[in-house]
Amino acid sequence: MGQYSFKLPDIGEGTAEAEIATWRVKVGDRVAEDQPLVDMMTDKATVELTSPVAGVVQSVAAAAGQKAAVGSVLVVLETEGGEALPPSSVKVQSAPARAQPQASVMSSATDARQAVAAAVVRPALAAVRPARAAAPPAVRRRAEELGVKLQFVEGSGPAGRISHADLDAYLANKSAAPAGAAARMEYARRSGVEEIPVIGLRRQIAERMQLAKRQIPHFSYVDEVDVTELEELRAHLNASRSADQPKLTVLPFIMRAMVRVLLEFPQINATYDDEAGVVRRHAPIHMGIATQTPKGLMVTVVRHAEVRDLWNSAAEVARLASAAREGKATREDLTGSTITLTSLGPLGGLVTTPVINRPEVAIVGPNKIVERAVVRAGQVAVRKVMNLSSSFDHRVVDGMDAAEFIQRIRTVLEHPATLFI
């Protein structure tokens, strides 16, 4: 018998450390060669690490949520031979089922958080009273006549025994309570705090948003768009589509409008390298689509949106959303966007101030479509309108450019025939 120490290998892209996302084994498990040991989360994706040897797990480094440096021991295995294997024998493969959104920021090794030994949950507990409150027969009979449940009455006597005075005090407090409070008093008081460790994807989202707001001087611009003709066109296309074509939402139309307008505003289809002080204007348009998943918000990427038509754009958005929600998105699906489109759909509200998906310099967010009375050619008409909310990096995009960019998108959307010309 011997021991083999499995160390975190260099998993590429200059990563110095990674977060333990999910353990696939526990102490005492017998593992076979090539069996998955642990999923490690980097700033780009989650990778699955497999065992180069067969053996029994003697110890693991830490619980999920802790970060480990490249070269540190993750798992100690008891093996037959125990001879150390060369680093090249360690297999690292992508784990698309747990891939994460692009450019999530990992903390430095010196800032690594204390290990989360286990998910500490302190559920809120109701104040528990005995099933049968202590009270003399006369008090119990009076309470029944008044419709009062004695388990909710505070007793001042020995061992919480309830007296007539306690019952009177309860009735006085109940009658003095504001409307609606009487019903709420029938429930037991609750206490306690539930602690949710911020780890994994949720921590990466938090760090990403914090860094974006700290380093990017955001400014927002909102404009109103009349989408009456656009909605009529969308309804017609959906009604006449073939069985193999996806249902069109408003997003593919906005994508096509952005593609057309970005040709006039190349400074907006760009990313900003803070450290190098370089703005990179991208020729291809890789459209980030903010997607809500059970694990949190992820940005999927529709690559080369400039060459996709409405149907192809809609199909790709649907494919990416499904992959992200099912945990099947790959690193290619989640990295490399040059500008992001975000939408809350029917919950879009009137105005939002979206946070830029760093290192991009712009983000556009359509709000919900509502019917509104508007004045057209001196006449009041009911039209379908929608606000376009947007945010820009003021280090790269000037206010005039941002306003002109959104207004050009508005013009295209209000005259949807221009999407095809």
Protein backbone atom coordinates (compact mmCIF):
# COMPACT_ATOMS: atom_id res chain seq x y z
CA MET A 1 0.00 0.00 0.00
CA GLY A 2 1.07 3.54 -0.61
CA GLN A 3 -0.26 7.05 -0.94
CA TYR A 4 -0.79 9.22 -3.99
CA SER A 5 -1.33 12.96 -3.62
CA PHE A 6 -3.49 14.35 -6.39
CA LYS A 7 -2.56 18.00 -6.98
CA LEU A 8 -4.43 20.72 -8.81
CA PRO A 9 -2.87 20.83 -12.28
CA ASP A 10 -2.42 23.88 -14.49
CA ILE A 11 -5.80 24.01 -16.17
CA GLY A 12 -4.86 26.64 -18.69
CA GLU A 13 -5.18 30.35 -19.50
CA GLY A 14 -2.71 31.36 -16.82
CA THR A 15 -5.02 30.34 -13.97
CA ALA A 16 -3.21 30.48 -10.64
CA GLU A 17 -6.07 29.12 -8.55
CA ALA A 18 -9.56 27.69 -8.89
CA GLU A 19 -12.59 27.22 -6.71
CA ILE A 20 -13.77 23.80 -5.60
CA ALA A 21 -17.21 23.67 -7.21
CA THR A 22 -18.40 20.09 -6.55
CA TRP A 23 -16.82 17.06 -4.97
CA ARG A 24 -17.56 13.83 -6.85
CA VAL A 25 -16.07 11.66 -4.11
CA LYS A 26 -15.85 11.58 -0.33
CA VAL A 27 -13.47 10.10 2.22
CA GLY A 28 -13.66 6.32 2.13
CA ASP A 29 -14.83 6.05 -1.48
CA ARG A 30 -13.02 3.64 -3.76
CA VAL A 31 -12.26 5.28 -7.10
CA ALA A 32 -11.19 3.79 -10.40
CA GLU A 33 -8.70 5.25 -12.83
CA ASP A 34 -10.25 8.07 -14.88
CA GLN A 35 -13.15 8.39 -12.43
CA PRO A 36 -14.21 12.03 -11.80
CA LEU A 37 -12.89 13.39 -8.50
CA VAL A 38 -13.84 17.05 -8.37
CA ASP A 39 -15.14 19.94 -10.48
CA MET A 40 -12.99 23.07 -10.29
CA MET A 41 -14.38 26.46 -11.26
CA THR A 42 -12.14 28.99 -12.99
CA ASP A 43 -12.99 32.46 -14.21
CA LYS A 44 -14.06 31.01 -17.57
CA ALA A 45 -15.66 27.65 -16.94
CA THR A 46 -15.79 24.60 -14.72
CA VAL A 47 -13.44 21.71 -15.47
CA GLU A 48 -13.78 18.13 -14.37
CA LEU A 49 -10.67 16.52 -12.88
CA THR A 50 -10.36 12.74 -13.03
CA SER A 51 -8.17 10.41 -11.06
CA PRO A 52 -4.99 9.15 -12.76
CA VAL A 53 -4.87 6.14 -10.42
CA ALA A 54 -7.20 3.72 -8.68
CA GLY A 55 -7.41 3.81 -4.93
CA VAL A 56 -9.36 4.75 -1.80
CA VAL A 57 -9.93 8.38 -0.82
CA GLN A 58 -8.13 9.08 2.44
CA SER A 59 -8.64 12.86 2.62
CA VAL A 60 -9.86 15.83 0.62
CA ALA A 61 -8.43 19.33 0.81
CA ALA A 62 -11.50 21.36 1.72
CA ALA A 63 -15.21 21.77 1.16
CA ALA A 64 -16.91 23.19 -1.89
CA GLY A 65 -16.49 26.95 -2.05
CA GLN A 66 -12.82 27.10 -1.06
CA LYS A 67 -10.17 28.07 -3.55
CA ALA A 68 -7.04 26.05 -4.18
CA ALA A 69 -3.79 27.16 -5.78
CA VAL A 70 -2.31 25.33 -8.76
CA GLY A 71 0.03 22.65 -7.39
CA SER A 72 -1.75 22.28 -4.05
CA VAL A 73 -2.96 18.84 -2.93
CA LEU A 74 -6.67 18.24 -3.51
CA VAL A 75 -7.08 14.53 -2.73
CA VAL A 76 -4.93 11.91 -1.04
CA LEU A 77 -5.52 8.38 -2.31
CA GLU A 78 -4.38 5.07 -0.84
CA THR A 79 -3.07 3.01 -3.73
CA GLU A 80 -1.41 -0.32 -4.33
CA GLY A 81 1.87 1.21 -5.46
CA GLY A 82 1.66 4.83 -4.41
CA GLU A 83 4.17 6.06 -6.96
CA ALA A 84 3.74 9.66 -8.02
CA LEU A 85 2.75 10.14 -11.63
CA PRO A 86 4.13 12.85 -13.90
CA PRO A 87 1.92 15.94 -14.28
CA SER A 88 1.19 15.01 -17.90
CA SER A 89 -0.74 11.97 -16.72
CA VAL A 90 -3.36 14.06 -14.97
CA LYS A 91 -6.42 14.33 -17.19
CA VAL A 92 -8.31 17.62 -17.31
CA GLN A 93 -11.49 17.81 -19.32
CA SER A 94 -14.12 20.43 -19.78
CA ALA A 95 -17.30 20.00 -17.75
CA PRO A 96 -19.86 21.79 -19.91
CA ALA A 97 -22.65 20.77 -17.60
CA ARG A 98 -21.27 23.21 -15.09
CA ALA A 99 -19.79 25.87 -17.33
CA GLN A 100 -19.92 29.41 -16.01
CA PRO A 101 -20.39 32.86 -17.55
CA GLN A 102 -17.55 34.74 -19.21
CA ALA A 103 -14.95 36.80 -17.40
CA SER A 104 -16.17 36.08 -13.89
CA VAL A 105 -13.52 37.44 -11.57
CA MET A 106 -11.57 35.19 -9.25
CA SER A 107 -9.96 36.61 -6.12
CA SER A 108 -6.18 36.44 -5.70
CA ALA A 109 -4.63 33.69 -3.61
CA THR A 110 -3.89 36.13 -0.81
CA ASP A 111 -7.57 37.03 -0.66
CA ALA A 112 -8.82 33.44 -0.64
CA ARG A 113 -11.74 33.14 1.68
CA GLN A 114 -11.88 30.90 4.68
CA ALA A 115 -13.10 27.42 3.78
CA VAL A 116 -16.78 26.76 4.05
CA ALA A 117 -16.74 23.51 6.00
CA ALA A 118 -20.38 22.89 5.20
CA ALA A 119 -23.39 24.83 4.02
CA VAL A 120 -24.44 26.41 7.29
CA VAL A 121 -28.17 26.76 7.37
CA ARG A 122 -30.03 28.00 10.37
CA PRO A 123 -33.69 27.69 9.46
CA ALA A 124 -36.11 30.09 11.01
CA LEU A 125 -37.77 28.23 13.83
CA ALA A 126 -41.22 28.93 15.15
CA ALA A 127 -41.49 29.52 18.87
CA VAL A 128 -42.86 26.22 20.06
CA ARG A 129 -45.47 26.03 22.78
CA PRO A 130 -46.96 22.97 24.41
CA ALA A 131 -49.82 21.42 22.49
CA ARG A 132 -52.04 21.98 25.58
CA ALA A 133 -51.35 25.24 27.42
CA ALA A 134 -51.40 25.19 31.21
CA ALA A 135 -54.60 26.93 32.44
CA PRO A 136 -57.33 26.28 35.02
CA PRO A 137 -60.68 24.90 33.76
CA ALA A 138 -62.45 28.25 34.19
CA VAL A 139 -59.88 30.07 32.04
CA ARG A 140 -59.96 27.30 29.44
CA ARG A 141 -63.76 27.41 29.26
CA ARG A 142 -63.77 31.20 28.91
CA ALA A 143 -61.16 31.02 26.15
CA GLU A 144 -63.30 28.51 24.24
CA GLU A 145 -66.31 30.83 24.50
CA LEU A 146 -64.22 33.73 23.16
CA GLY A 147 -62.64 31.66 20.40
CA VAL A 148 -59.12 32.19 21.74
CA LYS A 149 -56.43 29.55 21.29
CA LEU A 150 -54.53 29.39 24.56
CA GLN A 151 -51.28 28.25 22.98
CA PHE A 152 -50.87 31.81 21.72
CA VAL A 153 -51.47 33.43 25.12
CA GLU A 154 -48.46 34.32 27.29
CA GLY A 155 -48.89 32.88 30.77
CA SER A 156 -47.51 34.78 33.76
CA GLY A 157 -48.02 32.05 36.36
CA PRO A 158 -45.71 29.20 37.38
CA ALA A 159 -44.53 27.15 34.38
CA GLY A 160 -46.38 29.55 32.08
CA ARG A 161 -49.80 28.93 33.66
CA ILE A 162 -52.41 31.20 32.11
CA SER A 163 -54.72 33.27 34.31
CA HIS A 164 -57.80 35.38 33.60
CA ALA A 165 -55.55 38.46 33.67
CA ASP A 166 -53.31 36.94 30.99
CA LEU A 167 -56.38 36.24 28.86
CA ASP A 168 -57.60 39.83 29.35
CA ALA A 169 -54.17 41.18 28.34
CA TYR A 170 -54.18 39.05 25.20
CA LEU A 171 -57.64 40.25 24.23
CA ALA A 172 -56.66 43.88 24.85
CA ASN A 173 -53.56 43.60 22.67
CA LYS A 174 -55.53 41.85 19.94
CA SER A 175 -58.23 44.51 19.84
CA ALA A 176 -55.64 47.29 19.79
CA ALA A 177 -53.77 45.76 16.85
CA PRO A 178 -54.22 47.38 13.42
CA ALA A 179 -56.47 45.86 10.77
CA GLY A 180 -55.14 42.55 9.53
CA ALA A 181 -52.82 42.08 12.49
CA ALA A 182 -55.32 39.96 14.45
CA ALA A 183 -55.06 37.15 11.92
CA ARG A 184 -51.29 37.34 11.93
CA MET A 185 -51.19 37.02 15.73
CA GLU A 186 -52.61 33.52 15.39
CA TYR A 187 -49.23 32.39 14.09
CA ALA A 188 -46.39 31.58 16.43
CA ARG A 189 -43.55 34.06 16.65
CA ARG A 190 -40.51 33.13 14.64
CA SER A 191 -36.85 33.70 15.29
CA GLY A 192 -33.52 32.74 13.77
CA VAL A 193 -31.45 33.71 10.75
CA GLU A 194 -30.74 31.64 7.66
CA GLU A 195 -27.16 31.98 6.46
CA ILE A 196 -26.55 31.26 2.78
CA PRO A 197 -22.85 30.90 1.86
CA VAL A 198 -22.11 32.95 -1.25
CA ILE A 199 -20.04 30.47 -3.24
CA GLY A 200 -19.78 29.09 -6.73
CA LEU A 201 -21.65 30.86 -9.51
CA ARG A 202 -23.44 33.23 -7.13
CA ARG A 203 -20.09 34.44 -5.74
CA GLN A 204 -18.69 34.89 -9.25
CA ILE A 205 -21.75 36.94 -10.22
CA ALA A 206 -21.34 39.09 -7.11
CA GLU A 207 -17.64 39.65 -7.73
CA ARG A 208 -18.22 40.34 -11.40
CA MET A 209 -20.93 42.93 -10.76
CA GLN A 210 -18.94 44.57 -7.97
CA LEU A 211 -15.86 44.91 -10.15
CA ALA A 212 -17.89 46.24 -13.08
CA LYS A 213 -19.52 48.93 -10.98
CA ARG A 214 -16.26 49.84 -9.25
CA GLN A 215 -14.13 50.14 -12.38
CA ILE A 216 -16.59 51.26 -15.06
CA PRO A 217 -18.05 54.78 -14.95
CA HIS A 218 -21.55 53.84 -16.07
CA PHE A 219 -24.00 56.23 -17.62
CA SER A 220 -27.46 55.23 -18.77
CA TYR A 221 -29.65 56.34 -21.64
CA VAL A 222 -33.33 55.48 -22.19
CA ASP A 223 -35.44 56.06 -25.28
CA GLU A 224 -39.01 55.14 -26.20
CA VAL A 225 -39.73 53.01 -29.26
CA ASP A 226 -43.05 52.63 -31.08
CA VAL A 227 -43.11 48.91 -31.91
CA THR A 228 -46.66 48.70 -33.29
CA GLU A 229 -45.55 47.81 -36.83
CA LEU A 230 -42.82 45.55 -35.49
CA GLU A 231 -45.31 43.61 -33.38
CA GLU A 232 -47.65 43.24 -36.37
CA LEU A 233 -44.79 41.87 -38.44
CA ARG A 234 -43.73 39.52 -35.65
CA ALA A 235 -47.29 38.19 -35.27
CA HIS A 236 -47.55 37.63 -39.03
CA LEU A 237 -44.21 35.80 -39.22
CA ASN A 238 -45.09 33.59 -36.26
CA ALA A 239 -48.47 32.75 -37.77
CA SER A 240 -46.93 31.79 -41.12
CA ARG A 241 -43.75 30.09 -39.93
CA SER A 242 -42.96 26.53 -40.84
CA ALA A 243 -42.88 23.70 -38.31
CA ASP A 244 -39.09 23.69 -38.17
CA GLN A 245 -38.81 27.42 -37.49
CA PRO A 246 -38.71 28.75 -33.90
CA LYS A 247 -41.24 31.20 -32.54
CA LEU A 248 -39.99 34.74 -32.80
CA THR A 249 -39.72 36.95 -29.74
CA VAL A 250 -38.75 40.61 -29.95
CA LEU A 251 -35.08 39.78 -29.21
CA PRO A 252 -34.08 38.61 -32.73
CA PHE A 253 -35.46 41.85 -34.18
CA ILE A 254 -33.45 43.92 -31.71
CA MET A 255 -30.38 41.82 -32.48
CA ARG A 256 -30.77 42.49 -36.20
CA ALA A 257 -31.26 46.20 -35.54
CA MET A 258 -28.15 46.33 -33.35
CA VAL A 259 -26.10 44.52 -36.01
CA ARG A 260 -27.09 47.08 -38.64
CA VAL A 261 -26.42 50.08 -36.41
CA LEU A 262 -23.14 48.81 -34.93
CA LEU A 263 -21.59 49.07 -38.38
CA GLU A 264 -21.96 52.83 -37.95
CA PHE A 265 -20.71 52.80 -34.33
CA PRO A 266 -17.66 50.48 -34.18
CA GLN A 267 -16.53 52.09 -30.91
CA ILE A 268 -19.53 50.47 -29.18
CA ASN A 269 -18.83 46.92 -30.35
CA ALA A 270 -15.68 46.95 -28.26
CA THR A 271 -13.97 45.78 -25.09
CA TYR A 272 -11.72 47.77 -22.80
CA ASP A 273 -8.53 46.31 -21.33
CA ASP A 274 -8.13 48.23 -18.06
CA GLU A 275 -4.60 47.07 -17.34
CA ALA A 276 -3.20 47.67 -20.81
CA GLY A 277 -5.23 50.82 -21.39
CA VAL A 278 -6.35 49.52 -24.79
CA VAL A 279 -9.77 49.60 -26.46
CA ARG A 280 -10.29 46.69 -28.83
CA ARG A 281 -12.88 47.27 -31.54
CA HIS A 282 -14.19 43.94 -32.80
CA ALA A 283 -15.10 43.27 -36.42
CA PRO A 284 -17.36 40.29 -35.64
CA ILE A 285 -20.42 40.90 -33.47
CA HIS A 286 -20.63 38.27 -30.78
CA MET A 287 -23.92 39.11 -29.08
CA GLY A 288 -24.12 38.30 -25.38
CA ILE A 289 -27.64 37.32 -24.29
CA ALA A 290 -28.27 37.56 -20.55
CA THR A 291 -30.05 34.35 -19.51
CA GLN A 292 -31.64 33.60 -16.16
CA THR A 293 -30.93 30.07 -14.94
CA PRO A 294 -31.74 28.21 -11.71
CA LYS A 295 -28.15 28.88 -10.59
CA GLY A 296 -28.14 32.58 -11.47
CA LEU A 297 -27.67 34.95 -14.38
CA MET A 298 -25.42 33.73 -17.19
CA VAL A 299 -24.41 35.44 -20.42
CA THR A 300 -24.64 33.13 -23.42
CA VAL A 301 -23.01 34.22 -26.68
CA VAL A 302 -24.56 34.24 -30.14
CA ARG A 303 -21.43 34.19 -32.26
CA HIS A 304 -21.25 36.14 -35.51
CA ALA A 305 -24.65 37.71 -35.12
CA GLU A 306 -23.81 39.81 -38.19
CA VAL A 307 -24.39 36.84 -40.52
CA ARG A 308 -27.55 35.45 -38.90
CA ASP A 309 -31.10 36.17 -40.07
CA LEU A 310 -34.14 36.44 -37.79
CA TRP A 311 -34.89 32.71 -37.72
CA ASN A 312 -31.31 31.64 -37.18
CA SER A 313 -30.85 34.23 -34.44
CA ALA A 314 -34.03 33.05 -32.70
CA ALA A 315 -32.98 29.40 -32.96
CA GLU A 316 -29.53 30.10 -31.52
CA VAL A 317 -30.92 32.16 -28.65
CA ALA A 318 -33.32 29.32 -27.80
CA ARG A 319 -30.56 26.70 -28.03
CA LEU A 320 -28.22 28.66 -25.77
CA ALA A 321 -30.93 29.44 -23.22
CA SER A 322 -31.89 25.76 -23.01
CA ALA A 323 -28.25 24.68 -22.67
CA ALA A 324 -27.58 27.23 -19.94
CA ARG A 325 -30.66 26.30 -17.91
CA GLU A 326 -29.93 22.60 -18.22
CA GLY A 327 -26.27 23.07 -17.32
CA LYS A 328 -25.06 21.91 -20.73
CA ALA A 329 -23.54 25.15 -22.06
CA THR A 330 -19.91 24.88 -23.15
CA ARG A 331 -17.12 27.40 -22.68
CA GLU A 332 -17.59 28.45 -26.30
CA ASP A 333 -21.24 29.20 -25.52
CA LEU A 334 -20.34 31.44 -22.60
CA THR A 335 -17.25 33.45 -23.54
CA GLY A 336 -16.14 36.10 -26.00
CA SER A 337 -19.15 38.43 -26.25
CA THR A 338 -18.49 41.95 -27.57
CA ILE A 339 -21.80 43.58 -26.56
CA THR A 340 -24.68 42.29 -24.43
CA LEU A 341 -28.45 42.33 -24.85
CA THR A 342 -30.43 41.78 -21.66
CA SER A 343 -34.18 41.52 -21.18
CA LEU A 344 -36.59 40.69 -18.38
CA GLY A 345 -39.31 39.84 -20.89
CA PRO A 346 -42.85 40.51 -19.63
CA LEU A 347 -41.35 41.61 -16.29
CA GLY A 348 -39.24 44.26 -17.99
CA GLY A 349 -40.83 47.21 -16.24
CA LEU A 350 -40.58 50.72 -17.63
CA VAL A 351 -36.89 51.52 -17.13
CA THR A 352 -33.80 49.59 -16.05
CA THR A 353 -30.17 50.55 -15.54
CA PRO A 354 -28.31 47.40 -16.65
CA VAL A 355 -24.79 46.72 -15.45
CA ILE A 356 -22.19 46.45 -18.20
CA ASN A 357 -20.77 42.99 -18.80
CA ARG A 358 -17.10 43.83 -18.29
CA PRO A 359 -14.85 44.16 -20.33
CA GLU A 360 -17.52 45.24 -22.83
CA VAL A 361 -18.40 48.93 -23.07
CA ALA A 362 -22.17 48.77 -23.67
CA ILE A 363 -25.30 46.85 -22.79
CA VAL A 364 -28.84 47.26 -24.16
CA GLY A 365 -31.99 46.19 -22.33
CA PRO A 366 -35.50 46.31 -23.82
CA ASN A 367 -38.33 46.85 -21.36
CA LYS A 368 -41.84 45.42 -21.58
CA ILE A 369 -44.18 46.37 -24.40
CA VAL A 370 -47.31 48.25 -23.30
CA GLU A 371 -50.22 49.88 -25.05
CA ARG A 372 -50.29 53.64 -24.58
CA ALA A 373 -52.21 56.59 -25.93
CA VAL A 374 -49.84 58.69 -28.05
CA VAL A 375 -50.23 61.69 -30.32
CA ARG A 376 -49.52 61.01 -34.01
CA ALA A 377 -50.05 63.72 -36.62
CA GLY A 378 -52.20 65.65 -34.19
CA GLN A 379 -54.43 62.66 -33.39
CA VAL A 380 -54.50 60.49 -30.27
CA ALA A 381 -53.94 56.83 -31.07
CA VAL A 382 -53.31 53.69 -29.06
CA ARG A 383 -49.86 52.35 -29.92
CA LYS A 384 -47.57 49.62 -28.64
CA VAL A 385 -44.48 51.21 -27.13
CA MET A 386 -41.37 49.93 -25.43
CA ASN A 387 -38.45 51.61 -23.74
CA LEU A 388 -34.87 50.75 -24.61
CA SER A 389 -32.66 51.09 -21.53
CA SER A 390 -28.90 51.09 -22.05
CA SER A 391 -25.67 51.64 -20.17
CA PHE A 392 -22.27 52.68 -21.52
CA ASP A 393 -18.68 52.93 -20.34
CA HIS A 394 -18.05 56.66 -20.29
CA ARG A 395 -14.30 56.10 -20.63
CA VAL A 396 -14.89 54.81 -24.15
CA VAL A 397 -18.33 55.97 -25.29
CA ASP A 398 -19.35 59.64 -25.30
CA GLY A 399 -22.88 60.64 -24.41
CA MET A 400 -23.66 61.91 -27.91
CA ASP A 401 -22.51 58.65 -29.50
CA ALA A 402 -24.62 56.65 -27.05
CA ALA A 403 -27.74 58.74 -27.73
CA GLU A 404 -27.28 58.52 -31.49
CA PHE A 405 -26.69 54.77 -31.29
CA ILE A 406 -29.93 54.09 -29.41
CA GLN A 407 -31.90 56.54 -31.59
CA ARG A 408 -30.68 54.76 -34.72
CA ILE A 409 -31.82 51.44 -33.25
CA ARG A 410 -35.19 53.04 -32.49
CA THR A 411 -35.53 54.23 -36.10
CA VAL A 412 -34.81 50.77 -37.48
CA LEU A 413 -37.27 49.10 -35.11
CA GLU A 414 -40.00 51.61 -35.90
CA HIS A 415 -39.54 50.90 -39.62
CA PRO A 416 -39.01 47.11 -39.53
CA ALA A 417 -38.81 46.81 -43.31
CA THR A 418 -35.34 48.33 -43.08
CA LEU A 419 -34.21 45.21 -41.22
CA PHE A 420 -34.36 43.39 -44.56
CA ILE A 421 -32.99 46.09 -46.86
